[in-house]
Amino acid sequence: MIQAIQTLLTSLAISFDLPILDWIQANLQCGILDVLMPIITYFGEDGIGWIAWAVLLLFFKKHRKTGLGMAFAMIIGLVVCNMTLKPLIGRIRPYDFQAELGITIDLLVHGLHDYSFPSGHTIASIEAATVILINNKKMGIPAMILAVLIAFSRLYLYVHYPTDVLVSIVLGVAIAFLANWLAGLCYRNFKKGKYEKTA
């Protein structure tokens, strides 16, 4: 099963992923984006920006459930993405793939030589933004715009394949709904227990 997935991803890298990445490099790359994309992608680095956002929300009673949902989502995403799928699938980064073909890619960020599939930046961003969007559309729309920009930045910077990002978006949304349900369950039980103690 794993070998079949690896074979499929290798085939997609040549027929689908690399042509898209090369098209982005040829048609969208410019000085402004060369400056902005590394900054945008940094917000998703290790989920730091989203973790900070979640912690901030926990301080406000109105948004506490959202902050808890984001925390659950990022923990689940870490287990699913970084601890399970990445080492299991073992997909090399697109610039390393190109290097094996004798093509050198000039990166705007430091090269990463861990595995590529799925995209940790994208999963963390999409799952966190989706939890926010579920609970608060006013705050969720700009959060989702940022998440999409972070996902795109991974392609612009040539550090992920499009299939990494697409699968990560699907996983991120699914994890967000699961995490939001868990947060709601915990929050309701906590409030119920607190009410019973004071009754």
N, C-alpha and C. Protein backbone atom coordinates (compact mmCIF):
# COMPACT_ATOMS: atom_id res chain seq x y z
N MET A 1 0.83 -1.21 0.00
CA MET A 1 0.00 0.00 0.00
C MET A 1 0.87 1.26 0.00
N ILE A 2 1.83 1.30 0.92
CA ILE A 2 2.72 2.47 1.01
C ILE A 2 3.54 2.62 -0.26
N GLN A 3 4.02 1.48 -0.77
CA GLN A 3 4.82 1.52 -1.99
C GLN A 3 3.99 2.01 -3.17
N ALA A 4 2.73 1.63 -3.21
CA ALA A 4 1.84 2.07 -4.30
C ALA A 4 1.64 3.59 -4.22
N ILE A 5 1.49 4.12 -3.00
CA ILE A 5 1.33 5.57 -2.82
C ILE A 5 2.60 6.29 -3.24
N GLN A 6 3.74 5.74 -2.85
CA GLN A 6 5.03 6.35 -3.23
C GLN A 6 5.21 6.37 -4.75
N THR A 7 4.84 5.28 -5.40
CA THR A 7 4.93 5.20 -6.87
C THR A 7 4.01 6.22 -7.52
N LEU A 8 2.79 6.33 -6.99
CA LEU A 8 1.82 7.30 -7.52
C LEU A 8 2.34 8.73 -7.37
N LEU A 9 2.89 9.04 -6.20
CA LEU A 9 3.40 10.39 -5.94
C LEU A 9 4.58 10.73 -6.83
N THR A 10 5.43 9.75 -7.10
CA THR A 10 6.57 9.96 -8.00
C THR A 10 6.08 10.25 -9.41
N SER A 11 5.07 9.50 -9.84
CA SER A 11 4.49 9.72 -11.17
C SER A 11 3.84 11.09 -11.26
N LEU A 12 3.11 11.48 -10.20
CA LEU A 12 2.46 12.79 -10.17
C LEU A 12 3.48 13.93 -10.12
N ALA A 13 4.60 13.69 -9.47
CA ALA A 13 5.64 14.72 -9.39
C ALA A 13 6.08 15.14 -10.79
N ILE A 14 6.24 14.16 -11.67
CA ILE A 14 6.72 14.44 -13.03
C ILE A 14 5.60 14.98 -13.93
N SER A 15 4.43 14.35 -13.84
CA SER A 15 3.35 14.69 -14.78
C SER A 15 2.49 15.88 -14.34
N PHE A 16 2.44 16.15 -13.03
CA PHE A 16 1.52 17.17 -12.52
C PHE A 16 2.21 18.24 -11.68
N ASP A 17 2.97 17.83 -10.68
CA ASP A 17 3.52 18.77 -9.69
C ASP A 17 4.59 19.70 -10.24
N LEU A 18 5.64 19.12 -10.78
CA LEU A 18 6.77 19.95 -11.22
C LEU A 18 6.40 20.93 -12.34
N PRO A 19 5.55 20.55 -13.30
CA PRO A 19 5.12 21.54 -14.30
C PRO A 19 4.42 22.74 -13.67
N ILE A 20 3.61 22.51 -12.63
CA ILE A 20 2.93 23.62 -11.95
C ILE A 20 3.93 24.51 -11.22
N LEU A 21 4.86 23.88 -10.49
CA LEU A 21 5.88 24.65 -9.77
C LEU A 21 6.73 25.47 -10.73
N ASP A 22 7.10 24.86 -11.86
CA ASP A 22 7.91 25.58 -12.85
C ASP A 22 7.12 26.71 -13.50
N TRP A 23 5.79 26.50 -13.68
CA TRP A 23 4.96 27.56 -14.24
C TRP A 23 4.89 28.75 -13.27
N ILE A 24 4.76 28.47 -11.98
CA ILE A 24 4.74 29.54 -10.97
C ILE A 24 6.04 30.32 -11.01
N GLN A 25 7.16 29.60 -11.10
CA GLN A 25 8.47 30.25 -11.15
C GLN A 25 8.61 31.13 -12.39
N ALA A 26 8.10 30.63 -13.50
CA ALA A 26 8.27 31.34 -14.77
C ALA A 26 7.31 32.51 -14.93
N ASN A 27 6.11 32.43 -14.35
CA ASN A 27 5.08 33.42 -14.63
C ASN A 27 4.68 34.32 -13.46
N LEU A 28 4.88 33.86 -12.24
CA LEU A 28 4.43 34.63 -11.08
C LEU A 28 5.57 35.22 -10.24
N GLN A 29 6.75 34.69 -10.42
CA GLN A 29 7.86 35.16 -9.59
C GLN A 29 8.20 36.61 -9.91
N CYS A 30 8.30 37.41 -8.84
CA CYS A 30 8.67 38.82 -9.01
C CYS A 30 9.31 39.31 -7.71
N GLY A 31 9.88 40.49 -7.76
CA GLY A 31 10.61 41.01 -6.61
C GLY A 31 9.75 41.16 -5.36
N ILE A 32 8.51 41.65 -5.54
CA ILE A 32 7.62 41.86 -4.38
C ILE A 32 7.29 40.54 -3.70
N LEU A 33 6.91 39.54 -4.51
CA LEU A 33 6.56 38.24 -3.94
C LEU A 33 7.78 37.53 -3.38
N ASP A 34 8.95 37.79 -3.96
CA ASP A 34 10.18 37.20 -3.41
C ASP A 34 10.44 37.67 -1.99
N VAL A 35 9.98 38.88 -1.69
CA VAL A 35 10.12 39.43 -0.33
C VAL A 35 8.98 38.95 0.56
N LEU A 36 7.75 39.00 0.04
CA LEU A 36 6.56 38.70 0.85
C LEU A 36 6.40 37.22 1.19
N MET A 37 6.66 36.33 0.25
CA MET A 37 6.37 34.92 0.46
C MET A 37 7.18 34.29 1.60
N PRO A 38 8.48 34.59 1.74
CA PRO A 38 9.19 34.05 2.91
C PRO A 38 8.64 34.57 4.24
N ILE A 39 8.14 35.81 4.24
CA ILE A 39 7.56 36.38 5.47
C ILE A 39 6.24 35.68 5.79
N ILE A 40 5.41 35.52 4.76
CA ILE A 40 4.11 34.86 4.95
C ILE A 40 4.30 33.42 5.40
N THR A 41 5.23 32.72 4.78
CA THR A 41 5.43 31.31 5.13
C THR A 41 5.94 31.16 6.55
N TYR A 42 6.66 32.18 7.03
CA TYR A 42 7.22 32.10 8.38
C TYR A 42 6.13 32.08 9.45
N PHE A 43 4.99 32.70 9.16
CA PHE A 43 3.88 32.69 10.11
C PHE A 43 3.41 31.27 10.40
N GLY A 44 3.56 30.39 9.41
CA GLY A 44 3.15 29.00 9.59
C GLY A 44 4.26 28.09 10.08
N GLU A 45 5.44 28.64 10.30
CA GLU A 45 6.60 27.84 10.74
C GLU A 45 6.33 27.19 12.09
N ASP A 46 6.32 25.86 12.10
CA ASP A 46 6.04 25.09 13.33
C ASP A 46 4.70 25.48 13.95
N GLY A 47 3.83 26.11 13.17
CA GLY A 47 2.52 26.52 13.68
C GLY A 47 2.58 27.62 14.71
N ILE A 48 3.75 28.30 14.81
CA ILE A 48 3.96 29.28 15.88
C ILE A 48 2.91 30.39 15.86
N GLY A 49 2.66 30.95 14.69
CA GLY A 49 1.68 32.04 14.59
C GLY A 49 0.29 31.59 15.01
N TRP A 50 -0.09 30.39 14.61
CA TRP A 50 -1.43 29.86 14.95
C TRP A 50 -1.51 29.48 16.42
N ILE A 51 -0.42 28.97 16.96
CA ILE A 51 -0.39 28.65 18.39
C ILE A 51 -0.57 29.92 19.21
N ALA A 52 0.14 30.98 18.82
CA ALA A 52 0.01 32.25 19.52
C ALA A 52 -1.42 32.78 19.45
N TRP A 53 -2.05 32.63 18.28
CA TRP A 53 -3.43 33.06 18.08
C TRP A 53 -4.36 32.27 19.00
N ALA A 54 -4.16 30.95 19.07
CA ALA A 54 -4.99 30.08 19.91
C ALA A 54 -4.85 30.45 21.39
N VAL A 55 -3.63 30.67 21.83
CA VAL A 55 -3.38 31.04 23.22
C VAL A 55 -4.07 32.37 23.55
N LEU A 56 -3.98 33.32 22.63
CA LEU A 56 -4.63 34.62 22.83
C LEU A 56 -6.15 34.46 23.00
N LEU A 57 -6.75 33.60 22.18
CA LEU A 57 -8.20 33.40 22.25
C LEU A 57 -8.62 32.74 23.57
N LEU A 58 -7.74 31.94 24.14
CA LEU A 58 -8.07 31.27 25.40
C LEU A 58 -8.26 32.26 26.55
N PHE A 59 -7.72 33.45 26.41
CA PHE A 59 -7.85 34.47 27.46
C PHE A 59 -9.23 35.15 27.43
N PHE A 60 -9.97 34.95 26.36
CA PHE A 60 -11.27 35.60 26.23
C PHE A 60 -12.38 34.55 26.30
N LYS A 61 -13.26 34.69 27.26
CA LYS A 61 -14.32 33.71 27.48
C LYS A 61 -15.14 33.46 26.22
N LYS A 62 -15.42 34.53 25.48
CA LYS A 62 -16.24 34.43 24.26
C LYS A 62 -15.58 33.55 23.20
N HIS A 63 -14.24 33.52 23.18
CA HIS A 63 -13.51 32.80 22.13
C HIS A 63 -12.75 31.58 22.66
N ARG A 64 -13.00 31.22 23.92
CA ARG A 64 -12.23 30.15 24.55
C ARG A 64 -12.40 28.81 23.83
N LYS A 65 -13.63 28.50 23.43
CA LYS A 65 -13.88 27.24 22.72
C LYS A 65 -13.11 27.20 21.39
N THR A 66 -13.05 28.33 20.72
CA THR A 66 -12.31 28.41 19.46
C THR A 66 -10.82 28.15 19.68
N GLY A 67 -10.26 28.79 20.71
CA GLY A 67 -8.85 28.58 21.04
C GLY A 67 -8.56 27.13 21.37
N LEU A 68 -9.49 26.51 22.12
CA LEU A 68 -9.33 25.09 22.48
C LEU A 68 -9.41 24.21 21.24
N GLY A 69 -10.34 24.53 20.34
CA GLY A 69 -10.46 23.78 19.09
C GLY A 69 -9.20 23.88 18.24
N MET A 70 -8.63 25.08 18.18
CA MET A 70 -7.38 25.27 17.43
C MET A 70 -6.25 24.43 18.03
N ALA A 71 -6.19 24.41 19.36
CA ALA A 71 -5.14 23.64 20.05
C ALA A 71 -5.30 22.15 19.74
N PHE A 72 -6.53 21.64 19.84
CA PHE A 72 -6.78 20.24 19.53
C PHE A 72 -6.40 19.93 18.08
N ALA A 73 -6.79 20.83 17.17
CA ALA A 73 -6.52 20.62 15.75
C ALA A 73 -5.02 20.53 15.48
N MET A 74 -4.25 21.41 16.08
CA MET A 74 -2.82 21.42 15.82
C MET A 74 -2.11 20.22 16.43
N ILE A 75 -2.63 19.73 17.56
CA ILE A 75 -2.06 18.51 18.15
C ILE A 75 -2.36 17.31 17.26
N ILE A 76 -3.61 17.19 16.81
CA ILE A 76 -3.98 16.09 15.92
C ILE A 76 -3.19 16.18 14.61
N GLY A 77 -3.08 17.39 14.07
CA GLY A 77 -2.34 17.59 12.84
C GLY A 77 -0.88 17.21 12.97
N LEU A 78 -0.28 17.52 14.10
CA LEU A 78 1.12 17.17 14.35
C LEU A 78 1.31 15.66 14.32
N VAL A 79 0.39 14.95 14.98
CA VAL A 79 0.47 13.49 15.03
C VAL A 79 0.26 12.88 13.64
N VAL A 80 -0.78 13.36 12.95
CA VAL A 80 -1.12 12.81 11.63
C VAL A 80 -0.05 13.14 10.60
N CYS A 81 0.36 14.40 10.56
CA CYS A 81 1.29 14.86 9.52
C CYS A 81 2.75 14.53 9.83
N ASN A 82 3.28 15.19 10.84
CA ASN A 82 4.72 15.11 11.11
C ASN A 82 5.18 13.78 11.70
N MET A 83 4.34 13.18 12.54
CA MET A 83 4.76 11.98 13.23
C MET A 83 4.34 10.69 12.52
N THR A 84 3.37 10.78 11.62
CA THR A 84 2.89 9.56 10.96
C THR A 84 3.14 9.56 9.45
N LEU A 85 2.46 10.47 8.72
CA LEU A 85 2.50 10.42 7.26
C LEU A 85 3.86 10.77 6.68
N LYS A 86 4.50 11.82 7.20
CA LYS A 86 5.80 12.23 6.63
C LYS A 86 6.82 11.09 6.64
N PRO A 87 7.10 10.47 7.80
CA PRO A 87 8.09 9.37 7.80
C PRO A 87 7.59 8.11 7.09
N LEU A 88 6.27 7.90 7.09
CA LEU A 88 5.71 6.70 6.47
C LEU A 88 5.81 6.76 4.95
N ILE A 89 5.46 7.93 4.37
CA ILE A 89 5.48 8.09 2.91
C ILE A 89 6.90 8.38 2.41
N GLY A 90 7.63 9.22 3.16
CA GLY A 90 9.03 9.49 2.83
C GLY A 90 9.25 10.16 1.48
N ARG A 91 8.42 11.13 1.14
CA ARG A 91 8.55 11.83 -0.15
C ARG A 91 9.60 12.93 -0.03
N ILE A 92 10.57 12.94 -0.95
CA ILE A 92 11.62 13.97 -0.90
C ILE A 92 11.08 15.30 -1.42
N ARG A 93 11.72 16.38 -1.01
CA ARG A 93 11.30 17.72 -1.41
C ARG A 93 11.46 17.91 -2.92
N PRO A 94 10.65 18.81 -3.52
CA PRO A 94 10.72 18.98 -4.98
C PRO A 94 12.08 19.44 -5.49
N TYR A 95 12.77 20.30 -4.72
CA TYR A 95 14.10 20.74 -5.18
C TYR A 95 15.12 19.61 -5.09
N ASP A 96 14.94 18.69 -4.13
CA ASP A 96 15.82 17.51 -4.05
C ASP A 96 15.52 16.56 -5.21
N PHE A 97 14.24 16.45 -5.55
CA PHE A 97 13.83 15.63 -6.70
C PHE A 97 14.46 16.18 -7.97
N GLN A 98 14.41 17.49 -8.14
CA GLN A 98 15.02 18.13 -9.31
C GLN A 98 16.54 17.93 -9.32
N ALA A 99 17.13 18.00 -8.14
CA ALA A 99 18.59 17.81 -8.04
C ALA A 99 18.99 16.43 -8.53
N GLU A 100 18.16 15.44 -8.24
CA GLU A 100 18.44 14.07 -8.72
C GLU A 100 18.35 13.98 -10.24
N LEU A 101 17.61 14.93 -10.84
CA LEU A 101 17.51 14.98 -12.30
C LEU A 101 18.57 15.88 -12.92
N GLY A 102 19.44 16.44 -12.04
CA GLY A 102 20.52 17.32 -12.51
C GLY A 102 20.11 18.76 -12.65
N ILE A 103 18.99 19.15 -12.05
CA ILE A 103 18.49 20.52 -12.14
C ILE A 103 18.61 21.19 -10.78
N THR A 104 19.24 22.36 -10.74
CA THR A 104 19.41 23.10 -9.50
C THR A 104 18.35 24.18 -9.38
N ILE A 105 17.67 24.20 -8.24
CA ILE A 105 16.65 25.21 -7.98
C ILE A 105 17.20 26.21 -6.97
N ASP A 106 17.18 27.49 -7.34
CA ASP A 106 17.63 28.54 -6.43
C ASP A 106 16.49 28.89 -5.47
N LEU A 107 16.67 28.55 -4.20
CA LEU A 107 15.62 28.76 -3.21
C LEU A 107 15.74 30.13 -2.55
N LEU A 108 14.59 30.68 -2.15
CA LEU A 108 14.56 31.95 -1.43
C LEU A 108 14.63 31.73 0.08
N VAL A 109 14.51 30.48 0.50
CA VAL A 109 14.60 30.12 1.92
C VAL A 109 15.61 28.99 2.07
N HIS A 110 15.98 28.72 3.31
CA HIS A 110 16.90 27.61 3.54
C HIS A 110 16.23 26.30 3.16
N GLY A 111 16.98 25.44 2.49
CA GLY A 111 16.44 24.16 2.10
C GLY A 111 16.18 23.26 3.30
N LEU A 112 15.08 22.52 3.24
CA LEU A 112 14.74 21.55 4.27
C LEU A 112 14.95 20.16 3.68
N HIS A 113 15.56 19.29 4.45
CA HIS A 113 15.83 17.97 3.89
C HIS A 113 15.11 16.87 4.67
N ASP A 114 13.98 17.28 5.32
CA ASP A 114 13.08 16.28 5.86
C ASP A 114 12.09 15.92 4.75
N TYR A 115 11.07 15.16 5.07
CA TYR A 115 10.16 14.72 4.03
C TYR A 115 9.10 15.76 3.70
N SER A 116 8.51 15.60 2.53
CA SER A 116 7.67 16.65 1.95
C SER A 116 6.17 16.44 2.12
N PHE A 117 5.74 15.18 2.17
CA PHE A 117 4.30 14.88 2.14
C PHE A 117 3.78 14.42 3.48
N PRO A 118 2.73 15.09 4.00
CA PRO A 118 2.05 16.30 3.49
C PRO A 118 2.76 17.57 3.98
N SER A 119 2.15 18.72 3.73
CA SER A 119 2.74 20.00 4.12
C SER A 119 2.29 20.38 5.53
N GLY A 120 3.23 20.41 6.46
CA GLY A 120 2.92 20.78 7.84
C GLY A 120 2.41 22.21 7.96
N HIS A 121 3.03 23.13 7.21
CA HIS A 121 2.58 24.53 7.22
C HIS A 121 1.12 24.63 6.80
N THR A 122 0.77 23.88 5.72
CA THR A 122 -0.58 23.97 5.18
C THR A 122 -1.61 23.34 6.12
N ILE A 123 -1.29 22.17 6.65
CA ILE A 123 -2.24 21.51 7.55
C ILE A 123 -2.49 22.38 8.78
N ALA A 124 -1.42 22.87 9.41
CA ALA A 124 -1.57 23.70 10.61
C ALA A 124 -2.41 24.95 10.31
N SER A 125 -2.14 25.57 9.17
CA SER A 125 -2.83 26.81 8.81
C SER A 125 -4.30 26.58 8.47
N ILE A 126 -4.57 25.57 7.64
CA ILE A 126 -5.95 25.30 7.22
C ILE A 126 -6.79 24.82 8.39
N GLU A 127 -6.23 23.94 9.21
CA GLU A 127 -7.04 23.42 10.33
C GLU A 127 -7.35 24.52 11.35
N ALA A 128 -6.36 25.36 11.64
CA ALA A 128 -6.57 26.46 12.60
C ALA A 128 -7.57 27.47 12.04
N ALA A 129 -7.39 27.86 10.79
CA ALA A 129 -8.28 28.85 10.17
C ALA A 129 -9.70 28.31 10.02
N THR A 130 -9.83 27.02 9.74
CA THR A 130 -11.16 26.42 9.60
C THR A 130 -11.90 26.42 10.94
N VAL A 131 -11.19 26.10 12.02
CA VAL A 131 -11.81 26.14 13.35
C VAL A 131 -12.30 27.56 13.66
N ILE A 132 -11.47 28.55 13.34
CA ILE A 132 -11.87 29.95 13.56
C ILE A 132 -13.11 30.28 12.73
N LEU A 133 -13.09 29.87 11.45
CA LEU A 133 -14.19 30.18 10.54
C LEU A 133 -15.49 29.53 10.99
N ILE A 134 -15.43 28.31 11.50
CA ILE A 134 -16.62 27.61 11.98
C ILE A 134 -17.28 28.40 13.11
N ASN A 135 -16.46 28.98 13.98
CA ASN A 135 -16.96 29.63 15.19
C ASN A 135 -17.18 31.13 15.06
N ASN A 136 -16.45 31.76 14.12
CA ASN A 136 -16.54 33.21 14.01
C ASN A 136 -16.16 33.63 12.59
N LYS A 137 -17.19 33.86 11.77
CA LYS A 137 -16.93 34.18 10.35
C LYS A 137 -16.15 35.48 10.18
N LYS A 138 -16.44 36.46 11.03
CA LYS A 138 -15.76 37.76 10.92
C LYS A 138 -14.25 37.60 11.10
N MET A 139 -13.85 36.79 12.06
CA MET A 139 -12.42 36.56 12.30
C MET A 139 -11.90 35.45 11.39
N GLY A 140 -12.80 34.54 10.99
CA GLY A 140 -12.39 33.38 10.21
C GLY A 140 -12.02 33.69 8.78
N ILE A 141 -12.67 34.67 8.17
CA ILE A 141 -12.37 34.99 6.77
C ILE A 141 -10.93 35.48 6.58
N PRO A 142 -10.46 36.48 7.37
CA PRO A 142 -9.05 36.87 7.22
C PRO A 142 -8.09 35.75 7.62
N ALA A 143 -8.50 34.91 8.60
CA ALA A 143 -7.66 33.77 8.99
C ALA A 143 -7.51 32.81 7.82
N MET A 144 -8.61 32.55 7.11
CA MET A 144 -8.56 31.63 5.97
C MET A 144 -7.76 32.21 4.81
N ILE A 145 -7.88 33.51 4.60
CA ILE A 145 -7.08 34.16 3.55
C ILE A 145 -5.59 33.98 3.85
N LEU A 146 -5.23 34.20 5.12
CA LEU A 146 -3.83 34.01 5.53
C LEU A 146 -3.41 32.57 5.33
N ALA A 147 -4.27 31.63 5.70
CA ALA A 147 -3.95 30.20 5.56
C ALA A 147 -3.71 29.82 4.10
N VAL A 148 -4.55 30.35 3.21
CA VAL A 148 -4.40 30.06 1.78
C VAL A 148 -3.09 30.67 1.25
N LEU A 149 -2.77 31.87 1.71
CA LEU A 149 -1.51 32.50 1.31
C LEU A 149 -0.31 31.69 1.78
N ILE A 150 -0.39 31.17 3.00
CA ILE A 150 0.70 30.33 3.52
C ILE A 150 0.83 29.07 2.66
N ALA A 151 -0.31 28.46 2.33
CA ALA A 151 -0.29 27.26 1.48
C ALA A 151 0.34 27.58 0.13
N PHE A 152 -0.05 28.70 -0.47
CA PHE A 152 0.52 29.09 -1.77
C PHE A 152 2.02 29.38 -1.64
N SER A 153 2.41 29.97 -0.52
CA SER A 153 3.83 30.31 -0.33
C SER A 153 4.72 29.06 -0.39
N ARG A 154 4.19 27.92 0.04
CA ARG A 154 4.97 26.68 0.00
C ARG A 154 5.25 26.25 -1.44
N LEU A 155 4.33 26.60 -2.35
CA LEU A 155 4.54 26.31 -3.76
C LEU A 155 5.47 27.34 -4.39
N TYR A 156 5.22 28.60 -4.07
CA TYR A 156 6.04 29.69 -4.63
C TYR A 156 7.51 29.49 -4.25
N LEU A 157 7.74 29.05 -3.02
CA LEU A 157 9.11 28.87 -2.53
C LEU A 157 9.72 27.54 -2.96
N TYR A 158 8.96 26.74 -3.67
CA TYR A 158 9.42 25.47 -4.25
C TYR A 158 9.80 24.43 -3.19
N VAL A 159 9.16 24.50 -2.03
CA VAL A 159 9.50 23.57 -0.95
C VAL A 159 8.47 22.45 -0.78
N HIS A 160 7.34 22.56 -1.52
CA HIS A 160 6.32 21.52 -1.50
C HIS A 160 5.73 21.34 -2.89
N TYR A 161 5.27 20.13 -3.14
CA TYR A 161 4.55 19.84 -4.39
C TYR A 161 3.08 20.29 -4.24
N PRO A 162 2.42 20.61 -5.34
CA PRO A 162 0.99 20.92 -5.27
C PRO A 162 0.16 19.81 -4.63
N THR A 163 0.52 18.54 -4.91
CA THR A 163 -0.24 17.44 -4.29
C THR A 163 -0.04 17.41 -2.78
N ASP A 164 1.12 17.81 -2.29
CA ASP A 164 1.32 17.93 -0.83
C ASP A 164 0.31 18.90 -0.25
N VAL A 165 0.19 20.03 -0.91
CA VAL A 165 -0.68 21.11 -0.42
C VAL A 165 -2.16 20.74 -0.54
N LEU A 166 -2.55 20.15 -1.67
CA LEU A 166 -3.96 19.77 -1.88
C LEU A 166 -4.42 18.74 -0.85
N VAL A 167 -3.61 17.71 -0.64
CA VAL A 167 -3.95 16.69 0.36
C VAL A 167 -3.98 17.31 1.75
N SER A 168 -3.08 18.23 2.02
CA SER A 168 -3.01 18.88 3.32
C SER A 168 -4.25 19.74 3.59
N ILE A 169 -4.77 20.36 2.54
CA ILE A 169 -5.99 21.16 2.69
C ILE A 169 -7.16 20.27 3.09
N VAL A 170 -7.30 19.14 2.41
CA VAL A 170 -8.38 18.19 2.72
C VAL A 170 -8.23 17.67 4.15
N LEU A 171 -7.02 17.24 4.50
CA LEU A 171 -6.77 16.74 5.85
C LEU A 171 -7.01 17.83 6.90
N GLY A 172 -6.56 19.04 6.59
CA GLY A 172 -6.70 20.16 7.53
C GLY A 172 -8.16 20.46 7.85
N VAL A 173 -9.01 20.46 6.82
CA VAL A 173 -10.44 20.72 7.02
C VAL A 173 -11.07 19.60 7.85
N ALA A 174 -10.74 18.35 7.52
CA ALA A 174 -11.29 17.21 8.25
C ALA A 174 -10.87 17.24 9.72
N ILE A 175 -9.60 17.51 9.96
CA ILE A 175 -9.09 17.59 11.33
C ILE A 175 -9.75 18.73 12.09
N ALA A 176 -9.97 19.84 11.40
CA ALA A 176 -10.59 21.00 12.05
C ALA A 176 -11.99 20.68 12.57
N PHE A 177 -12.78 19.98 11.76
CA PHE A 177 -14.14 19.63 12.19
C PHE A 177 -14.11 18.65 13.36
N LEU A 178 -13.18 17.70 13.31
CA LEU A 178 -13.04 16.76 14.42
C LEU A 178 -12.61 17.49 15.69
N ALA A 179 -11.62 18.36 15.57
CA ALA A 179 -11.11 19.10 16.73
C ALA A 179 -12.16 20.04 17.30
N ASN A 180 -12.91 20.67 16.42
CA ASN A 180 -13.96 21.59 16.89
C ASN A 180 -15.04 20.83 17.66
N TRP A 181 -15.38 19.63 17.18
CA TRP A 181 -16.35 18.79 17.88
C TRP A 181 -15.82 18.38 19.26
N LEU A 182 -14.55 17.98 19.31
CA LEU A 182 -13.93 17.60 20.59
C LEU A 182 -13.90 18.78 21.55
N ALA A 183 -13.56 19.95 21.03
CA ALA A 183 -13.50 21.16 21.87
C ALA A 183 -14.89 21.48 22.43
N GLY A 184 -15.91 21.36 21.59
CA GLY A 184 -17.28 21.61 22.04
C GLY A 184 -17.70 20.63 23.11
N LEU A 185 -17.32 19.37 22.93
CA LEU A 185 -17.63 18.33 23.91
C LEU A 185 -16.97 18.62 25.25
N CYS A 186 -15.69 18.93 25.21
CA CYS A 186 -14.94 19.23 26.44
C CYS A 186 -15.48 20.49 27.11
N TYR A 187 -15.77 21.49 26.30
CA TYR A 187 -16.24 22.77 26.85
C TYR A 187 -17.60 22.61 27.52
N ARG A 188 -18.49 21.83 26.88
CA ARG A 188 -19.81 21.60 27.47
C ARG A 188 -19.71 20.81 28.78
N ASN A 189 -18.84 19.79 28.80
CA ASN A 189 -18.67 18.99 30.00
C ASN A 189 -18.05 19.81 31.13
N PHE A 190 -17.12 20.69 30.78
CA PHE A 190 -16.48 21.56 31.77
C PHE A 190 -17.52 22.51 32.39
N LYS A 191 -18.32 23.12 31.52
CA LYS A 191 -19.36 24.05 32.01
C LYS A 191 -20.41 23.32 32.84
N LYS A 192 -20.75 22.09 32.42
CA LYS A 192 -21.73 21.31 33.16
C LYS A 192 -21.20 20.97 34.56
N GLY A 193 -19.92 20.54 34.61
CA GLY A 193 -19.30 20.20 35.90
C GLY A 193 -19.19 21.41 36.80
N LYS A 194 -18.87 22.55 36.21
CA LYS A 194 -18.74 23.80 36.98
C LYS A 194 -20.12 24.20 37.54
N TYR A 195 -21.15 24.02 36.71
CA TYR A 195 -22.51 24.39 37.14
C TYR A 195 -22.96 23.47 38.30
N GLU A 196 -22.67 22.16 38.19
CA GLU A 196 -23.07 21.22 39.23
C GLU A 196 -22.39 21.49 40.56
N LYS A 197 -21.15 21.96 40.50
CA LYS A 197 -20.40 22.28 41.72
C LYS A 197 -20.99 23.48 42.43
N THR A 198 -21.50 24.44 41.66
CA THR A 198 -22.02 25.67 42.26
C THR A 198 -23.51 25.53 42.63
N ALA A 199 -24.15 24.46 42.11
CA ALA A 199 -25.58 24.26 42.39
C ALA A 199 -25.83 23.76 43.82
